Amino acid sequence: MDQKKMADYAYHYGLKVRIYPSQQQKEMIQRNADAARCVYNEHVAVNQEIARFGKRSIYIDVIEKRIEALRERIRTVTALKDRYPWLRHP
């Protein structure tokens, strides 16, 4: 079955929309962006720490315990909310 590309269709339509959020909506958008950035950076930091463990010569049981703690920190959103109380904003 051949896959069609957009160039194969006769017409291409686009839509450009401009929004005007209220001050309350702007604050909510900003909080969501800050929360997403915080969670992303937290996950990047955990992954970097896990990667650094592969470059050290320490006991494997210490590494396994720390990696499991880091993975648990990633798994639970409530753990992030406990570390960063401002994420609990309604």
Protein backbone atom coordinates (compact mmCIF):
# COMPACT_ATOMS: atom_id res chain seq x y z
CA MET A 1 0.00 0.00 0.00
CA ASP A 2 1.51 3.30 -1.10
CA GLN A 3 1.62 6.09 1.43
CA LYS A 4 0.39 9.45 0.16
CA LYS A 5 2.39 12.54 0.91
CA MET A 6 0.95 15.99 1.42
CA ALA A 7 2.38 17.02 -1.96
CA ASP A 8 0.20 14.34 -3.60
CA TYR A 9 -3.00 16.11 -2.53
CA ALA A 10 -4.52 18.82 -4.71
CA TYR A 11 -5.02 21.43 -1.97
CA HIS A 12 -3.17 22.39 1.17
CA TYR A 13 -5.00 24.37 3.79
CA GLY A 14 -3.54 26.17 6.74
CA LEU A 15 -5.05 28.07 9.58
CA LYS A 16 -3.46 30.87 11.53
CA VAL A 17 -5.13 31.85 14.77
CA ARG A 18 -4.30 34.65 17.13
CA ILE A 19 -5.37 34.38 20.74
CA TYR A 20 -5.71 37.06 23.38
CA PRO A 21 -5.55 35.36 26.78
CA SER A 22 -6.68 37.16 29.91
CA GLN A 23 -4.18 37.89 32.68
CA GLN A 24 -5.35 34.82 34.59
CA GLN A 25 -4.89 32.64 31.49
CA LYS A 26 -1.43 34.12 30.89
CA GLU A 27 -0.43 33.20 34.44
CA MET A 28 -1.77 29.66 33.99
CA ILE A 29 0.12 29.26 30.70
CA GLN A 30 3.30 30.50 32.39
CA ARG A 31 2.86 28.11 35.36
CA ASN A 32 2.35 25.17 33.00
CA ALA A 33 5.43 26.10 30.97
CA ASP A 34 7.51 26.47 34.15
CA ALA A 35 6.28 23.12 35.48
CA ALA A 36 7.03 21.36 32.19
CA ARG A 37 10.52 22.86 32.09
CA CYS A 38 11.17 21.88 35.72
CA VAL A 39 10.05 18.26 35.21
CA TYR A 40 12.05 17.98 31.98
CA ASN A 41 15.20 19.35 33.62
CA GLU A 42 14.73 16.99 36.57
CA HIS A 43 14.55 14.00 34.24
CA VAL A 44 17.61 15.16 32.31
CA ALA A 45 19.56 15.53 35.58
CA VAL A 46 18.56 12.03 36.71
CA ASN A 47 19.56 10.53 33.36
CA GLN A 48 22.91 12.34 33.48
CA GLU A 49 23.56 11.04 36.98
CA ILE A 50 22.72 7.49 35.91
CA ALA A 51 25.10 7.85 32.94
CA ARG A 52 27.89 9.10 35.22
CA PHE A 53 27.61 5.95 37.33
CA GLY A 54 28.81 3.93 34.35
CA LYS A 55 32.08 5.89 34.34
CA ARG A 56 33.00 5.31 38.00
CA SER A 57 34.66 2.36 39.67
CA ILE A 58 32.57 1.90 42.81
CA TYR A 59 30.69 -1.04 44.25
CA ILE A 60 27.84 -2.21 42.06
CA ASP A 61 25.33 -2.55 44.92
CA VAL A 62 25.78 1.16 45.75
CA ILE A 63 25.18 2.03 42.11
CA GLU A 64 22.12 -0.22 41.85
CA LYS A 65 20.55 1.31 44.98
CA ARG A 66 21.16 4.85 43.73
CA ILE A 67 19.85 4.08 40.24
CA GLU A 68 16.69 2.55 41.73
CA ALA A 69 16.22 5.65 43.92
CA LEU A 70 16.63 7.88 40.87
CA ARG A 71 14.19 5.79 38.81
CA GLU A 72 11.67 5.94 41.64
CA ARG A 73 12.07 9.72 41.69
CA ILE A 74 11.22 9.80 37.99
CA ARG A 75 8.24 7.44 38.34
CA THR A 76 6.30 9.39 40.89
CA VAL A 77 4.96 12.81 40.12
CA THR A 78 4.08 13.25 43.77
CA ALA A 79 7.77 12.95 44.63
CA LEU A 80 8.45 15.94 42.39
CA LYS A 81 5.56 17.80 43.97
CA ASP A 82 7.05 17.10 47.39
CA ARG A 83 10.43 18.50 46.28
CA TYR A 84 8.87 21.48 44.48
CA PRO A 85 5.74 22.64 46.36
CA TRP A 86 4.92 25.29 43.73
CA LEU A 87 3.98 22.43 41.34
CA ARG A 88 0.94 21.78 43.54
CA HIS A 89 -0.72 25.01 42.48
CA PRO A 90 -4.33 24.27 41.44
